[in-house]
Amino acid sequence: MTLELWLLLAMTLLAGAMSPGPSVALVLRTAITHGRSSALAVALAHGVGISVYALAVVLGLAALIQNSVFFMNALQIGGALFLLYLGCRMLFGGIRALTEATREGGDGTDQVTSKDNNSVLGLWQHALNGFLIVFFNPKVVIFFVAIFSQFLSTEQLISTQVFAALMAGLIDAAWYALVGILASNQRFAATLFQASPVIDSAFGTLFVSFGIAVILSLF
């Protein structure tokens, strides 16, 4: 590919990464509630998920998935259930922290601190969340089949196509890492940290709404 085509691909991938949706909500919530390391784990795993789908396009598997009603429905249902799972965890956790703070007459900071888990196990859990929110998103499949595939051709070396797929993941991870770093900025992190029970409840409601909307779209 020419330099101009590489730049156009990079801008297209960045535009796709910047589109609003559950992924950016997950990164923001993770950064605010669990800190920068956890948000970066989500961002990196999200980028890995994007690379997996981009490589699927290179191998021709994504087109098969898109043309299969069973697989597309399975992805949508799986995605909806995962969003409901995340949403309920956030919502119930936020409500519990608010209830405990009200009962004890505090601001909920102690309860939020106990949730902040940057252990290896905690980071792997956040990374898994970041990967699964991509894996169960059929819109990602459609994006790469309809748009990313336009930058590929049979004349290209397989190494060129694989590099393009890896670049998709790198750009995606870099964007969400930037979002996570900005959201965890120390200037307003303390205020957001104290408000994290409310933020958890709000994002939980948002994720549950996303999940219900996906389920309703199937009928």
C-alpha atoms as a PDB file:
ATOM      1  CA  MET A   1       0.000   0.000   0.000  1.00  0.00           C
ATOM      2  CA  THR A   2       1.093   3.554  -0.635  1.00  0.00           C
ATOM      3  CA  LEU A   3       1.811   5.988   2.198  1.00  0.00           C
ATOM      4  CA  GLU A   4      -1.406   7.873   1.426  1.00  0.00           C
ATOM      5  CA  LEU A   5      -3.418   4.661   1.694  1.00  0.00           C
ATOM      6  CA  TRP A   6      -1.765   3.784   5.014  1.00  0.00           C
ATOM      7  CA  LEU A   7      -2.628   7.235   6.379  1.00  0.00           C
ATOM      8  CA  LEU A   8      -6.212   6.921   5.168  1.00  0.00           C
ATOM      9  CA  LEU A   9      -6.468   3.498   6.813  1.00  0.00           C
ATOM     10  CA  ALA A  10      -5.062   4.886  10.063  1.00  0.00           C
ATOM     11  CA  MET A  11      -7.586   7.751  10.090  1.00  0.00           C
ATOM     12  CA  THR A  12     -10.429   5.344   9.302  1.00  0.00           C
ATOM     13  CA  LEU A  13      -9.416   3.025  12.134  1.00  0.00           C
ATOM     14  CA  LEU A  14      -9.087   5.958  14.537  1.00  0.00           C
ATOM     15  CA  ALA A  15     -12.549   7.210  13.577  1.00  0.00           C
ATOM     16  CA  GLY A  16     -13.947   3.739  14.240  1.00  0.00           C
ATOM     17  CA  ALA A  17     -12.238   3.580  17.632  1.00  0.00           C
ATOM     18  CA  MET A  18     -13.522   7.036  18.603  1.00  0.00           C
ATOM     19  CA  SER A  19     -17.154   6.216  17.884  1.00  0.00           C
ATOM     20  CA  PRO A  20     -19.200   6.305  21.123  1.00  0.00           C
ATOM     21  CA  GLY A  21     -20.571   3.110  22.595  1.00  0.00           C
ATOM     22  CA  PRO A  22     -20.211   0.557  25.398  1.00  0.00           C
ATOM     23  CA  SER A  23     -16.428   0.300  24.983  1.00  0.00           C
ATOM     24  CA  VAL A  24     -15.668   3.922  25.827  1.00  0.00           C
ATOM     25  CA  ALA A  25     -18.171   3.746  28.689  1.00  0.00           C
ATOM     26  CA  LEU A  26     -16.347   0.705  30.078  1.00  0.00           C
ATOM     27  CA  VAL A  27     -12.931   2.396  29.862  1.00  0.00           C
ATOM     28  CA  LEU A  28     -14.223   5.586  31.498  1.00  0.00           C
ATOM     29  CA  ARG A  29     -15.944   3.724  34.315  1.00  0.00           C
ATOM     30  CA  THR A  30     -12.881   1.528  34.918  1.00  0.00           C
ATOM     31  CA  ALA A  31     -10.541   4.527  35.015  1.00  0.00           C
ATOM     32  CA  ILE A  32     -12.756   6.463  37.404  1.00  0.00           C
ATOM     33  CA  THR A  33     -13.538   3.583  39.749  1.00  0.00           C
ATOM     34  CA  HIS A  34     -10.450   1.368  39.592  1.00  0.00           C
ATOM     35  CA  GLY A  35      -7.661   3.650  38.429  1.00  0.00           C
ATOM     36  CA  ARG A  36      -5.259   4.043  35.539  1.00  0.00           C
ATOM     37  CA  SER A  37      -3.677   0.569  35.558  1.00  0.00           C
ATOM     38  CA  SER A  38      -7.049  -1.149  35.303  1.00  0.00           C
ATOM     39  CA  ALA A  39      -8.166   1.204  32.509  1.00  0.00           C
ATOM     40  CA  LEU A  40      -4.955   0.477  30.582  1.00  0.00           C
ATOM     41  CA  ALA A  41      -5.602  -3.266  30.981  1.00  0.00           C
ATOM     42  CA  VAL A  42      -9.046  -2.770  29.436  1.00  0.00           C
ATOM     43  CA  ALA A  43      -7.593  -0.643  26.614  1.00  0.00           C
ATOM     44  CA  LEU A  44      -4.838  -3.126  25.714  1.00  0.00           C
ATOM     45  CA  ALA A  45      -7.193  -6.111  25.758  1.00  0.00           C
ATOM     46  CA  HIS A  46      -9.699  -4.133  23.678  1.00  0.00           C
ATOM     47  CA  GLY A  47      -6.960  -3.562  21.106  1.00  0.00           C
ATOM     48  CA  VAL A  48      -6.173  -7.287  21.081  1.00  0.00           C
ATOM     49  CA  GLY A  49      -9.841  -8.022  20.394  1.00  0.00           C
ATOM     50  CA  ILE A  50      -9.840  -5.562  17.508  1.00  0.00           C
ATOM     51  CA  SER A  51      -6.727  -7.204  16.042  1.00  0.00           C
ATOM     52  CA  VAL A  52      -8.416 -10.612  16.277  1.00  0.00           C
ATOM     53  CA  TYR A  53     -11.332  -9.429  14.154  1.00  0.00           C
ATOM     54  CA  ALA A  54      -9.028  -7.619  11.741  1.00  0.00           C
ATOM     55  CA  LEU A  55      -7.012 -10.824  11.308  1.00  0.00           C
ATOM     56  CA  ALA A  56     -10.300 -12.683  10.796  1.00  0.00           C
ATOM     57  CA  VAL A  57     -10.983 -10.386   7.848  1.00  0.00           C
ATOM     58  CA  VAL A  58      -7.521 -11.134   6.454  1.00  0.00           C
ATOM     59  CA  LEU A  59      -8.226 -14.862   6.743  1.00  0.00           C
ATOM     60  CA  GLY A  60     -11.737 -14.527   5.329  1.00  0.00           C
ATOM     61  CA  LEU A  61     -13.434 -15.761   8.504  1.00  0.00           C
ATOM     62  CA  ALA A  62     -15.253 -12.508   9.303  1.00  0.00           C
ATOM     63  CA  ALA A  63     -17.244 -12.645   6.068  1.00  0.00           C
ATOM     64  CA  LEU A  64     -18.398 -16.153   6.962  1.00  0.00           C
ATOM     65  CA  ILE A  65     -19.469 -14.968  10.401  1.00  0.00           C
ATOM     66  CA  GLN A  66     -21.349 -11.983   8.981  1.00  0.00           C
ATOM     67  CA  ASN A  67     -23.193 -14.171   6.471  1.00  0.00           C
ATOM     68  CA  SER A  68     -24.194 -16.682   9.130  1.00  0.00           C
ATOM     69  CA  VAL A  69     -27.467 -15.767  10.839  1.00  0.00           C
ATOM     70  CA  PHE A  70     -26.654 -18.194  13.654  1.00  0.00           C
ATOM     71  CA  PHE A  71     -23.247 -16.699  14.452  1.00  0.00           C
ATOM     72  CA  MET A  72     -24.443 -13.090  14.196  1.00  0.00           C
ATOM     73  CA  ASN A  73     -27.397 -13.810  16.472  1.00  0.00           C
ATOM     74  CA  ALA A  74     -25.101 -15.673  18.863  1.00  0.00           C
ATOM     75  CA  LEU A  75     -22.763 -12.678  19.011  1.00  0.00           C
ATOM     76  CA  GLN A  76     -25.646 -10.289  19.631  1.00  0.00           C
ATOM     77  CA  ILE A  77     -27.167 -12.434  22.354  1.00  0.00           C
ATOM     78  CA  GLY A  78     -23.774 -13.031  23.950  1.00  0.00           C
ATOM     79  CA  GLY A  79     -23.027  -9.316  23.820  1.00  0.00           C
ATOM     80  CA  ALA A  80     -26.374  -8.422  25.351  1.00  0.00           C
ATOM     81  CA  LEU A  81     -25.913 -10.905  28.192  1.00  0.00           C
ATOM     82  CA  PHE A  82     -22.377  -9.636  28.838  1.00  0.00           C
ATOM     83  CA  LEU A  83     -23.569  -6.025  28.947  1.00  0.00           C
ATOM     84  CA  LEU A  84     -26.368  -7.005  31.323  1.00  0.00           C
ATOM     85  CA  TYR A  85     -23.845  -8.834  33.514  1.00  0.00           C
ATOM     86  CA  LEU A  86     -21.489  -5.837  33.661  1.00  0.00           C
ATOM     87  CA  GLY A  87     -24.379  -3.418  34.120  1.00  0.00           C
ATOM     88  CA  CYS A  88     -25.928  -5.344  36.996  1.00  0.00           C
ATOM     89  CA  ARG A  89     -22.558  -5.652  38.757  1.00  0.00           C
ATOM     90  CA  MET A  90     -21.953  -1.906  38.440  1.00  0.00           C
ATOM     91  CA  LEU A  91     -25.505  -0.974  39.372  1.00  0.00           C
ATOM     92  CA  PHE A  92     -25.753  -3.228  42.424  1.00  0.00           C
ATOM     93  CA  GLY A  93     -22.240  -2.273  43.552  1.00  0.00           C
ATOM     94  CA  GLY A  94     -23.036   1.429  43.253  1.00  0.00           C
ATOM     95  CA  ILE A  95     -26.350   1.074  45.081  1.00  0.00           C
ATOM     96  CA  ARG A  96     -24.689  -0.955  47.853  1.00  0.00           C
ATOM     97  CA  ALA A  97     -21.934   1.656  48.296  1.00  0.00           C
ATOM     98  CA  LEU A  98     -24.484   4.499  48.383  1.00  0.00           C
ATOM     99  CA  THR A  99     -26.609   2.617  50.913  1.00  0.00           C
ATOM    100  CA  GLU A 100     -23.636   1.906  53.172  1.00  0.00           C
ATOM    101  CA  ALA A 101     -22.430   5.495  52.918  1.00  0.00           C
ATOM    102  CA  THR A 102     -25.876   6.810  53.856  1.00  0.00           C
ATOM    103  CA  ARG A 103     -26.187   4.395  56.769  1.00  0.00           C
ATOM    104  CA  GLU A 104     -22.747   5.294  58.139  1.00  0.00           C
ATOM    105  CA  GLY A 105     -23.077   8.998  57.384  1.00  0.00           C
ATOM    106  CA  GLY A 106     -19.941   9.058  55.226  1.00  0.00           C
ATOM    107  CA  ASP A 107     -19.215   9.930  51.621  1.00  0.00           C
ATOM    108  CA  GLY A 108     -18.669   6.373  50.417  1.00  0.00           C
ATOM    109  CA  THR A 109     -14.937   6.809  49.864  1.00  0.00           C
ATOM    110  CA  ASP A 110     -13.987   3.869  52.088  1.00  0.00           C
ATOM    111  CA  GLN A 111     -16.353   1.574  50.290  1.00  0.00           C
ATOM    112  CA  VAL A 112     -15.030   2.635  46.906  1.00  0.00           C
ATOM    113  CA  THR A 113     -11.428   2.186  48.000  1.00  0.00           C
ATOM    114  CA  SER A 114     -12.143  -1.433  48.904  1.00  0.00           C
ATOM    115  CA  LYS A 115     -13.236  -2.022  45.297  1.00  0.00           C
ATOM    116  CA  ASP A 116     -10.057  -0.620  43.820  1.00  0.00           C
ATOM    117  CA  ASN A 117      -8.144  -3.768  42.855  1.00  0.00           C
ATOM    118  CA  ASN A 118      -4.897  -3.470  40.922  1.00  0.00           C
ATOM    119  CA  SER A 119      -3.689  -6.979  41.771  1.00  0.00           C
ATOM    120  CA  VAL A 120      -2.647  -9.270  38.932  1.00  0.00           C
ATOM    121  CA  LEU A 121      -5.958 -11.126  39.200  1.00  0.00           C
ATOM    122  CA  GLY A 122      -7.873  -7.841  39.179  1.00  0.00           C
ATOM    123  CA  LEU A 123      -6.022  -6.583  36.110  1.00  0.00           C
ATOM    124  CA  TRP A 124      -6.688  -9.850  34.266  1.00  0.00           C
ATOM    125  CA  GLN A 125     -10.393  -9.479  35.051  1.00  0.00           C
ATOM    126  CA  HIS A 126     -10.430  -5.954  33.624  1.00  0.00           C
ATOM    127  CA  ALA A 127      -8.492  -7.178  30.579  1.00  0.00           C
ATOM    128  CA  LEU A 128     -11.035  -9.952  30.062  1.00  0.00           C
ATOM    129  CA  ASN A 129     -13.845  -7.386  30.213  1.00  0.00           C
ATOM    130  CA  GLY A 130     -12.067  -5.298  27.579  1.00  0.00           C
ATOM    131  CA  PHE A 131     -11.619  -8.264  25.255  1.00  0.00           C
ATOM    132  CA  LEU A 132     -15.140  -9.654  25.643  1.00  0.00           C
ATOM    133  CA  ILE A 133     -16.842  -6.324  25.007  1.00  0.00           C
ATOM    134  CA  VAL A 134     -15.172  -6.395  21.567  1.00  0.00           C
ATOM    135  CA  PHE A 135     -15.641 -10.103  20.927  1.00  0.00           C
ATOM    136  CA  PHE A 136     -19.400  -9.973  21.520  1.00  0.00           C
ATOM    137  CA  ASN A 137     -19.946  -6.835  19.443  1.00  0.00           C
ATOM    138  CA  PRO A 138     -21.271  -7.731  15.961  1.00  0.00           C
ATOM    139  CA  LYS A 139     -20.842  -4.121  14.859  1.00  0.00           C
ATOM    140  CA  VAL A 140     -17.089  -4.688  14.965  1.00  0.00           C
ATOM    141  CA  VAL A 141     -17.454  -7.576  12.523  1.00  0.00           C
ATOM    142  CA  ILE A 142     -19.552  -5.434  10.185  1.00  0.00           C
ATOM    143  CA  PHE A 143     -17.060  -2.548  10.382  1.00  0.00           C
ATOM    144  CA  PHE A 144     -14.099  -4.710   9.433  1.00  0.00           C
ATOM    145  CA  VAL A 145     -15.919  -6.625   6.705  1.00  0.00           C
ATOM    146  CA  ALA A 146     -17.450  -3.504   5.143  1.00  0.00           C
ATOM    147  CA  ILE A 147     -14.664  -0.956   5.636  1.00  0.00           C
ATOM    148  CA  PHE A 148     -11.350  -2.506   6.665  1.00  0.00           C
ATOM    149  CA  SER A 149     -11.555  -5.095   3.883  1.00  0.00           C
ATOM    150  CA  GLN A 150     -11.635  -2.280   1.303  1.00  0.00           C
ATOM    151  CA  PHE A 151      -7.977  -1.571   2.081  1.00  0.00           C
ATOM    152  CA  LEU A 152      -6.963  -5.150   1.344  1.00  0.00           C
ATOM    153  CA  SER A 153      -6.366  -6.769  -2.034  1.00  0.00           C
ATOM    154  CA  THR A 154      -5.190 -10.098  -3.400  1.00  0.00           C
ATOM    155  CA  GLU A 155      -2.074  -8.414  -4.782  1.00  0.00           C
ATOM    156  CA  GLN A 156      -0.838  -7.524  -1.310  1.00  0.00           C
ATOM    157  CA  LEU A 157       1.615  -9.678   0.602  1.00  0.00           C
ATOM    158  CA  ILE A 158       0.117 -11.540   3.563  1.00  0.00           C
ATOM    159  CA  SER A 159       2.631  -9.728   5.776  1.00  0.00           C
ATOM    160  CA  THR A 160       1.173  -6.393   4.649  1.00  0.00           C
ATOM    161  CA  GLN A 161      -2.343  -7.498   5.509  1.00  0.00           C
ATOM    162  CA  VAL A 162      -1.280  -8.869   8.887  1.00  0.00           C
ATOM    163  CA  PHE A 163       0.527  -5.606   9.654  1.00  0.00           C
ATOM    164  CA  ALA A 164      -2.650  -3.683   8.787  1.00  0.00           C
ATOM    165  CA  ALA A 165      -4.605  -5.916  11.179  1.00  0.00           C
ATOM    166  CA  LEU A 166      -2.088  -5.369  13.964  1.00  0.00           C
ATOM    167  CA  MET A 167      -2.145  -1.638  13.299  1.00  0.00           C
ATOM    168  CA  ALA A 168      -5.914  -1.684  13.844  1.00  0.00           C
ATOM    169  CA  GLY A 169      -5.379  -3.112  17.314  1.00  0.00           C
ATOM    170  CA  LEU A 170      -2.559  -0.694  18.142  1.00  0.00           C
ATOM    171  CA  ILE A 171      -4.566   2.381  17.142  1.00  0.00           C
ATOM    172  CA  ASP A 172      -7.591   1.142  19.065  1.00  0.00           C
ATOM    173  CA  ALA A 173      -5.559   0.359  22.191  1.00  0.00           C
ATOM    174  CA  ALA A 174      -3.750   3.713  21.998  1.00  0.00           C
ATOM    175  CA  TRP A 175      -7.022   5.643  21.773  1.00  0.00           C
ATOM    176  CA  TYR A 176      -8.658   3.885  24.714  1.00  0.00           C
ATOM    177  CA  ALA A 177      -5.443   4.124  26.730  1.00  0.00           C
ATOM    178  CA  LEU A 178      -5.521   7.888  26.166  1.00  0.00           C
ATOM    179  CA  VAL A 179      -9.158   7.987  27.301  1.00  0.00           C
ATOM    180  CA  GLY A 180      -8.253   6.008  30.418  1.00  0.00           C
ATOM    181  CA  ILE A 181      -5.265   8.203  31.249  1.00  0.00           C
ATOM    182  CA  LEU A 182      -7.273  11.415  30.850  1.00  0.00           C
ATOM    183  CA  ALA A 183     -10.157  10.059  32.937  1.00  0.00           C
ATOM    184  CA  SER A 184      -7.771   9.088  35.741  1.00  0.00           C
ATOM    185  CA  ASN A 185      -5.982  12.467  35.794  1.00  0.00           C
ATOM    186  CA  GLN A 186      -5.097  13.420  39.365  1.00  0.00           C
ATOM    187  CA  ARG A 187      -6.606  16.910  39.087  1.00  0.00           C
ATOM    188  CA  PHE A 188     -10.147  15.640  39.166  1.00  0.00           C
ATOM    189  CA  ALA A 189      -9.640  11.951  40.035  1.00  0.00           C
ATOM    190  CA  ALA A 190     -10.262  12.577  43.737  1.00  0.00           C
ATOM    191  CA  THR A 191     -13.640  14.175  43.058  1.00  0.00           C
ATOM    192  CA  LEU A 192     -14.635  11.451  40.630  1.00  0.00           C
ATOM    193  CA  PHE A 193     -13.365   8.819  43.048  1.00  0.00           C
ATOM    194  CA  GLN A 194     -15.669  10.081  45.790  1.00  0.00           C
ATOM    195  CA  ALA A 195     -18.547  10.121  43.331  1.00  0.00           C
ATOM    196  CA  SER A 196     -17.786   6.634  41.990  1.00  0.00           C
ATOM    197  CA  PRO A 197     -20.827   4.968  43.655  1.00  0.00           C
ATOM    198  CA  VAL A 198     -23.066   7.340  41.699  1.00  0.00           C
ATOM    199  CA  ILE A 199     -20.934   6.836  38.585  1.00  0.00           C
ATOM    200  CA  ASP A 200     -21.155   3.055  39.012  1.00  0.00           C
ATOM    201  CA  SER A 201     -24.942   3.286  39.276  1.00  0.00           C
ATOM    202  CA  ALA A 202     -25.148   5.537  36.207  1.00  0.00           C
ATOM    203  CA  PHE A 203     -22.875   3.387  34.043  1.00  0.00           C
ATOM    204  CA  GLY A 204     -24.618   0.246  35.304  1.00  0.00           C
ATOM    205  CA  THR A 205     -27.947   1.650  34.179  1.00  0.00           C
ATOM    206  CA  LEU A 206     -26.376   2.588  30.820  1.00  0.00           C
ATOM    207  CA  PHE A 207     -24.981  -0.913  30.268  1.00  0.00           C
ATOM    208  CA  VAL A 208     -28.262  -2.574  31.242  1.00  0.00           C
ATOM    209  CA  SER A 209     -30.022  -0.254  28.780  1.00  0.00           C
ATOM    210  CA  PHE A 210     -27.524  -1.231  26.053  1.00  0.00           C
ATOM    211  CA  GLY A 211     -28.149  -4.914  26.749  1.00  0.00           C
ATOM    212  CA  ILE A 212     -31.936  -4.570  26.710  1.00  0.00           C
ATOM    213  CA  ALA A 213     -31.770  -2.538  23.481  1.00  0.00           C
ATOM    214  CA  VAL A 214     -29.728  -5.301  21.794  1.00  0.00           C
ATOM    215  CA  ILE A 215     -32.178  -7.976  22.922  1.00  0.00           C
ATOM    216  CA  LEU A 216     -35.173  -5.958  21.728  1.00  0.00           C
ATOM    217  CA  SER A 217     -33.505  -5.407  18.349  1.00  0.00           C
ATOM    218  CA  LEU A 218     -33.544  -9.177  17.778  1.00  0.00           C
ATOM    219  CA  PHE A 219     -37.342  -9.300  17.835  1.00  0.00           C
END
